[in-house]
Amino acid sequence: MNEKLVKIVFQDETAKDKQLNIIVEATRDEKGKITSLEVIMAPTDVDAFTYNPFVIRMYYDVLNTIVKAKMEYDNNGKYPDLHILTTAEYKEYVTKVLGIKIPEDDNSKN
């Protein structure tokens, strides 16, 4: 039986049934230990050209990170090489790499 661990929904102007989301499900053994992770993309027929360019880039960045974590977990039962970006690091990435300026009053100063 699969258990939903994480569901990330990218909400924008897209209709609810077409909103991008990523679901991570776990399969557990009799003792409750996670034996495998599954990453599910929805909708399955994603056409990047129909979404806001910023949202689709963010979607694929998040998906890439989750898939890397899944691969590490599948290989080692853990993911020691995964670095989770802080808000400041992600803001720096968005500004320097993607060229998008995030306003200082965006309420993400945590």
Protein backbone atom coordinates (compact mmCIF):
# COMPACT_ATOMS: atom_id res chain seq x y z
CA MET A 1 0.00 0.00 0.00
CA ASN A 2 1.35 3.41 -0.95
CA GLU A 3 1.34 6.33 1.45
CA LYS A 4 1.41 9.91 0.17
CA LEU A 5 4.36 11.69 1.82
CA VAL A 6 4.47 14.95 -0.09
CA LYS A 7 2.26 16.77 -2.56
CA ILE A 8 3.50 20.02 -4.07
CA VAL A 9 1.01 22.02 -6.12
CA PHE A 10 2.18 24.87 -8.36
CA GLN A 11 -0.75 27.25 -8.31
CA ASP A 12 -0.99 29.90 -10.96
CA GLU A 13 -3.64 31.02 -13.41
CA THR A 14 -3.98 27.46 -14.73
CA ALA A 15 -7.29 25.63 -14.28
CA LYS A 16 -7.29 23.36 -11.19
CA ASP A 17 -7.42 20.12 -13.20
CA LYS A 18 -4.35 21.23 -15.19
CA GLN A 19 -2.24 22.57 -12.31
CA LEU A 20 1.24 21.14 -12.09
CA ASN A 21 1.89 19.00 -9.06
CA ILE A 22 4.41 16.50 -7.79
CA ILE A 23 3.49 13.67 -5.43
CA VAL A 24 5.97 11.53 -3.53
CA GLU A 25 4.58 8.21 -2.29
CA ALA A 26 6.24 5.63 -0.09
CA THR A 27 5.81 1.88 0.12
CA ARG A 28 6.42 0.45 3.59
CA ASP A 29 7.24 -3.07 4.76
CA GLU A 30 5.49 -4.92 7.61
CA LYS A 31 7.67 -3.09 10.17
CA GLY A 32 6.75 0.33 8.79
CA LYS A 33 10.14 0.99 7.17
CA ILE A 34 10.04 2.75 3.81
CA THR A 35 11.14 0.29 1.13
CA SER A 36 10.69 2.48 -1.93
CA LEU A 37 9.70 5.95 -3.05
CA GLU A 38 7.68 6.83 -6.12
CA VAL A 39 7.59 10.27 -7.75
CA ILE A 40 4.41 11.07 -9.66
CA MET A 41 4.06 14.00 -12.05
CA ALA A 42 0.65 15.42 -12.72
CA PRO A 43 -0.76 16.08 -15.13
CA THR A 44 1.05 13.33 -16.99
CA ASP A 45 0.81 15.13 -20.34
CA VAL A 46 2.73 18.24 -19.28
CA ASP A 47 3.26 20.66 -22.15
CA ALA A 48 5.75 23.24 -20.91
CA PHE A 49 4.59 25.82 -23.47
CA THR A 50 1.12 26.10 -21.90
CA TYR A 51 2.39 27.21 -18.48
CA ASN A 52 3.90 30.41 -17.13
CA PRO A 53 7.65 30.12 -17.91
CA PHE A 54 8.69 30.89 -14.32
CA VAL A 55 6.30 28.27 -12.92
CA ILE A 56 7.41 25.54 -15.35
CA ARG A 57 11.11 26.22 -14.59
CA MET A 58 10.40 26.07 -10.86
CA TYR A 59 8.39 22.87 -11.38
CA TYR A 60 11.24 21.13 -13.19
CA ASP A 61 13.83 22.39 -10.68
CA VAL A 62 11.79 20.95 -7.80
CA LEU A 63 11.10 17.74 -9.74
CA ASN A 64 14.82 17.34 -10.47
CA THR A 65 15.68 17.71 -6.78
CA ILE A 66 13.05 15.20 -5.72
CA VAL A 67 14.15 12.67 -8.36
CA LYS A 68 17.77 13.00 -7.16
CA ALA A 69 16.64 12.37 -3.58
CA LYS A 70 14.65 9.33 -4.75
CA MET A 71 17.63 7.92 -6.65
CA GLU A 72 19.90 8.35 -3.60
CA TYR A 73 17.28 6.73 -1.39
CA ASP A 74 16.81 3.83 -3.83
CA ASN A 75 20.58 3.24 -3.95
CA ASN A 76 21.54 3.80 -0.31
CA GLY A 77 18.39 3.91 1.79
CA LYS A 78 19.21 7.58 2.52
CA TYR A 79 20.19 10.75 0.69
CA PRO A 80 23.35 12.16 2.28
CA ASP A 81 24.55 14.16 -0.73
CA LEU A 82 21.36 16.16 -1.09
CA HIS A 83 21.61 19.83 -0.11
CA ILE A 84 18.35 21.63 0.52
CA LEU A 85 18.57 25.30 -0.43
CA THR A 86 17.72 27.90 2.15
CA THR A 87 15.36 30.70 1.18
CA ALA A 88 18.33 33.05 0.78
CA GLU A 89 20.20 30.56 -1.45
CA TYR A 90 17.16 29.99 -3.67
CA LYS A 91 16.55 33.73 -3.89
CA GLU A 92 20.18 34.19 -4.98
CA TYR A 93 19.77 31.40 -7.58
CA VAL A 94 16.58 32.95 -8.97
CA THR A 95 18.23 36.37 -9.17
CA LYS A 96 21.63 35.38 -10.58
CA VAL A 97 20.82 32.35 -12.74
CA LEU A 98 17.27 32.98 -13.87
CA GLY A 99 17.61 36.76 -13.91
CA ILE A 100 14.41 37.38 -11.97
CA LYS A 101 14.49 40.04 -9.25
CA ILE A 102 12.48 39.13 -6.16
CA PRO A 103 11.25 42.17 -4.22
CA GLU A 104 12.65 42.61 -0.70
CA ASP A 105 9.14 42.82 0.78
CA ASP A 106 8.12 39.32 -0.39
CA ASN A 107 7.60 37.96 3.18
CA SER A 108 10.16 35.19 2.69
CA LYS A 109 12.66 36.47 5.23
CA ASN A 110 12.69 33.45 7.51
